[in-house]
């Protein structure tokens, strides 16, 4: 995952570190494009490994939410997911084709 503070593709949040991305929606499927993602701040090595494990789980959860209508491509609605000490916020922002996300360590 590239390290950059210049472009934020996902949902904008002020805390760091965070991973943001704009996922492409195709029906109930989501596609990750590395050139539409960014990391703000710095994740430690252990956090990077945990994030790599959590990311597919979040994708599956969001795809399920698309299939049930909880995430709707035509209407903005934010959802929050938790897994493996990470929080994922997701919203279509009514974009009719994208899901914007931000993933960060869960604050306790």
C-alpha atoms as a PDB file:
ATOM      1  CA  UNK A   1       0.000   0.000   0.000  1.00  0.00           C
ATOM      2  CA  UNK A   2       1.458   3.373  -0.962  1.00  0.00           C
ATOM      3  CA  UNK A   3       2.265   5.934   1.707  1.00  0.00           C
ATOM      4  CA  UNK A   4       1.005   9.365   0.791  1.00  0.00           C
ATOM      5  CA  UNK A   5      -0.546  12.329   2.536  1.00  0.00           C
ATOM      6  CA  UNK A   6      -1.261  14.274  -0.682  1.00  0.00           C
ATOM      7  CA  UNK A   7      -4.450  12.624  -2.008  1.00  0.00           C
ATOM      8  CA  UNK A   8      -7.203  11.142   0.130  1.00  0.00           C
ATOM      9  CA  UNK A   9      -9.391   8.781  -1.860  1.00  0.00           C
ATOM     10  CA  UNK A  10     -11.555   7.478   0.957  1.00  0.00           C
ATOM     11  CA  UNK A  11     -13.641   9.178   3.598  1.00  0.00           C
ATOM     12  CA  UNK A  12     -11.777  12.114   5.116  1.00  0.00           C
ATOM     13  CA  UNK A  13     -10.822  11.741   8.771  1.00  0.00           C
ATOM     14  CA  UNK A  14      -8.415  13.864  10.801  1.00  0.00           C
ATOM     15  CA  UNK A  15      -6.820  11.105  12.875  1.00  0.00           C
ATOM     16  CA  UNK A  16      -3.862   8.992  11.824  1.00  0.00           C
ATOM     17  CA  UNK A  17      -2.895   6.452  10.810  1.00  0.00           C
ATOM     18  CA  UNK A  18      -5.718   5.596   8.447  1.00  0.00           C
ATOM     19  CA  UNK A  19      -6.208   3.788   5.160  1.00  0.00           C
ATOM     20  CA  UNK A  20      -8.669   5.305   2.710  1.00  0.00           C
ATOM     21  CA  UNK A  21      -9.947   3.999  -0.598  1.00  0.00           C
ATOM     22  CA  UNK A  22     -12.590   4.499  -3.243  1.00  0.00           C
ATOM     23  CA  UNK A  23     -13.926   1.044  -4.121  1.00  0.00           C
ATOM     24  CA  UNK A  24     -15.638   0.451  -7.462  1.00  0.00           C
ATOM     25  CA  UNK A  25     -19.072  -1.110  -7.123  1.00  0.00           C
ATOM     26  CA  UNK A  26     -20.354  -3.577  -9.708  1.00  0.00           C
ATOM     27  CA  UNK A  27     -23.738  -4.872  -8.604  1.00  0.00           C
ATOM     28  CA  UNK A  28     -23.130  -6.348  -5.153  1.00  0.00           C
ATOM     29  CA  UNK A  29     -19.396  -6.776  -5.760  1.00  0.00           C
ATOM     30  CA  UNK A  30     -16.640  -4.350  -4.766  1.00  0.00           C
ATOM     31  CA  UNK A  31     -13.339  -3.926  -6.579  1.00  0.00           C
ATOM     32  CA  UNK A  32     -10.239  -2.472  -4.948  1.00  0.00           C
ATOM     33  CA  UNK A  33      -7.956  -0.383  -7.166  1.00  0.00           C
ATOM     34  CA  UNK A  34      -4.563   0.343  -5.609  1.00  0.00           C
ATOM     35  CA  UNK A  35      -4.280   3.665  -7.439  1.00  0.00           C
ATOM     36  CA  UNK A  36      -7.479   4.836  -5.713  1.00  0.00           C
ATOM     37  CA  UNK A  37      -6.214   4.249  -2.180  1.00  0.00           C
ATOM     38  CA  UNK A  38      -3.938   5.998   0.262  1.00  0.00           C
ATOM     39  CA  UNK A  39      -2.434   5.743   3.716  1.00  0.00           C
ATOM     40  CA  UNK A  40      -2.298   8.816   5.907  1.00  0.00           C
ATOM     41  CA  UNK A  41       0.257   8.561   8.706  1.00  0.00           C
ATOM     42  CA  UNK A  42       2.257   5.420   9.390  1.00  0.00           C
ATOM     43  CA  UNK A  43       1.072   1.965  10.392  1.00  0.00           C
ATOM     44  CA  UNK A  44       3.545  -0.214  12.271  1.00  0.00           C
ATOM     45  CA  UNK A  45       4.604  -3.557  10.776  1.00  0.00           C
ATOM     46  CA  UNK A  46       2.285  -5.534  13.073  1.00  0.00           C
ATOM     47  CA  UNK A  47      -0.626  -3.199  12.287  1.00  0.00           C
ATOM     48  CA  UNK A  48      -0.005  -3.618   8.535  1.00  0.00           C
ATOM     49  CA  UNK A  49      -0.276  -7.396   8.856  1.00  0.00           C
ATOM     50  CA  UNK A  50      -3.493  -7.118  10.876  1.00  0.00           C
ATOM     51  CA  UNK A  51      -4.905  -4.633   8.362  1.00  0.00           C
ATOM     52  CA  UNK A  52      -4.145  -7.026   5.488  1.00  0.00           C
ATOM     53  CA  UNK A  53      -6.080  -9.720   7.372  1.00  0.00           C
ATOM     54  CA  UNK A  54      -9.014  -7.422   8.202  1.00  0.00           C
ATOM     55  CA  UNK A  55      -9.439  -5.851   4.741  1.00  0.00           C
ATOM     56  CA  UNK A  56     -11.030  -8.893   2.981  1.00  0.00           C
ATOM     57  CA  UNK A  57     -13.407  -9.298   5.941  1.00  0.00           C
ATOM     58  CA  UNK A  58     -14.552  -5.682   5.569  1.00  0.00           C
ATOM     59  CA  UNK A  59     -15.031  -6.158   1.807  1.00  0.00           C
ATOM     60  CA  UNK A  60     -17.228  -9.237   2.386  1.00  0.00           C
ATOM     61  CA  UNK A  61     -19.278  -7.366   5.003  1.00  0.00           C
ATOM     62  CA  UNK A  62     -19.843  -4.393   2.679  1.00  0.00           C
ATOM     63  CA  UNK A  63     -20.797  -6.673  -0.235  1.00  0.00           C
ATOM     64  CA  UNK A  64     -23.370  -8.327   2.017  1.00  0.00           C
ATOM     65  CA  UNK A  65     -24.693  -4.885   2.988  1.00  0.00           C
ATOM     66  CA  UNK A  66     -25.020  -3.987  -0.698  1.00  0.00           C
ATOM     67  CA  UNK A  67     -27.000  -7.184  -1.340  1.00  0.00           C
ATOM     68  CA  UNK A  68     -29.401  -6.453   1.551  1.00  0.00           C
ATOM     69  CA  UNK A  69     -29.758  -2.752   0.748  1.00  0.00           C
ATOM     70  CA  UNK A  70     -28.120  -1.551   3.953  1.00  0.00           C
ATOM     71  CA  UNK A  71     -25.555   0.144   1.710  1.00  0.00           C
ATOM     72  CA  UNK A  72     -27.356   1.770  -1.200  1.00  0.00           C
ATOM     73  CA  UNK A  73     -25.415   3.086  -4.193  1.00  0.00           C
ATOM     74  CA  UNK A  74     -27.916   5.886  -4.802  1.00  0.00           C
ATOM     75  CA  UNK A  75     -28.286   7.175  -1.230  1.00  0.00           C
ATOM     76  CA  UNK A  76     -25.631   8.383   1.182  1.00  0.00           C
ATOM     77  CA  UNK A  77     -25.596   6.319   4.367  1.00  0.00           C
ATOM     78  CA  UNK A  78     -22.644   5.659   6.636  1.00  0.00           C
ATOM     79  CA  UNK A  79     -21.977   2.254   8.198  1.00  0.00           C
ATOM     80  CA  UNK A  80     -19.316   1.330  10.733  1.00  0.00           C
ATOM     81  CA  UNK A  81     -17.726  -2.124  10.935  1.00  0.00           C
ATOM     82  CA  UNK A  82     -15.275  -3.561  13.459  1.00  0.00           C
ATOM     83  CA  UNK A  83     -12.804  -6.420  13.038  1.00  0.00           C
ATOM     84  CA  UNK A  84      -9.363  -7.437  14.296  1.00  0.00           C
ATOM     85  CA  UNK A  85      -8.802  -4.186  16.281  1.00  0.00           C
ATOM     86  CA  UNK A  86      -9.755  -2.023  13.273  1.00  0.00           C
ATOM     87  CA  UNK A  87     -12.721   0.193  12.525  1.00  0.00           C
ATOM     88  CA  UNK A  88     -13.992   0.602   8.964  1.00  0.00           C
ATOM     89  CA  UNK A  89     -16.363   3.406   8.036  1.00  0.00           C
ATOM     90  CA  UNK A  90     -18.041   3.112   4.639  1.00  0.00           C
ATOM     91  CA  UNK A  91     -20.441   5.267   2.631  1.00  0.00           C
ATOM     92  CA  UNK A  92     -21.550   5.360  -1.000  1.00  0.00           C
ATOM     93  CA  UNK A  93     -22.130   9.118  -0.690  1.00  0.00           C
ATOM     94  CA  UNK A  94     -24.930   8.566  -3.212  1.00  0.00           C
ATOM     95  CA  UNK A  95     -22.293   8.169  -5.937  1.00  0.00           C
ATOM     96  CA  UNK A  96     -24.090   5.382  -7.880  1.00  0.00           C
ATOM     97  CA  UNK A  97     -20.961   3.280  -8.352  1.00  0.00           C
ATOM     98  CA  UNK A  98     -18.411   3.826  -5.602  1.00  0.00           C
ATOM     99  CA  UNK A  99     -18.030   2.984  -1.931  1.00  0.00           C
ATOM    100  CA  UNK A 100     -15.730   5.276   0.014  1.00  0.00           C
ATOM    101  CA  UNK A 101     -13.999   3.802   3.053  1.00  0.00           C
ATOM    102  CA  UNK A 102     -11.588   4.688   5.806  1.00  0.00           C
ATOM    103  CA  UNK A 103      -9.988   2.052   8.057  1.00  0.00           C
ATOM    104  CA  UNK A 104      -8.121   2.896  11.239  1.00  0.00           C
ATOM    105  CA  UNK A 105      -7.076   1.260  14.515  1.00  0.00           C
ATOM    106  CA  UNK A 106     -10.060   1.039  16.856  1.00  0.00           C
ATOM    107  CA  UNK A 107      -9.781   3.630  19.615  1.00  0.00           C
ATOM    108  CA  UNK A 108     -10.460   2.235  23.065  1.00  0.00           C
END
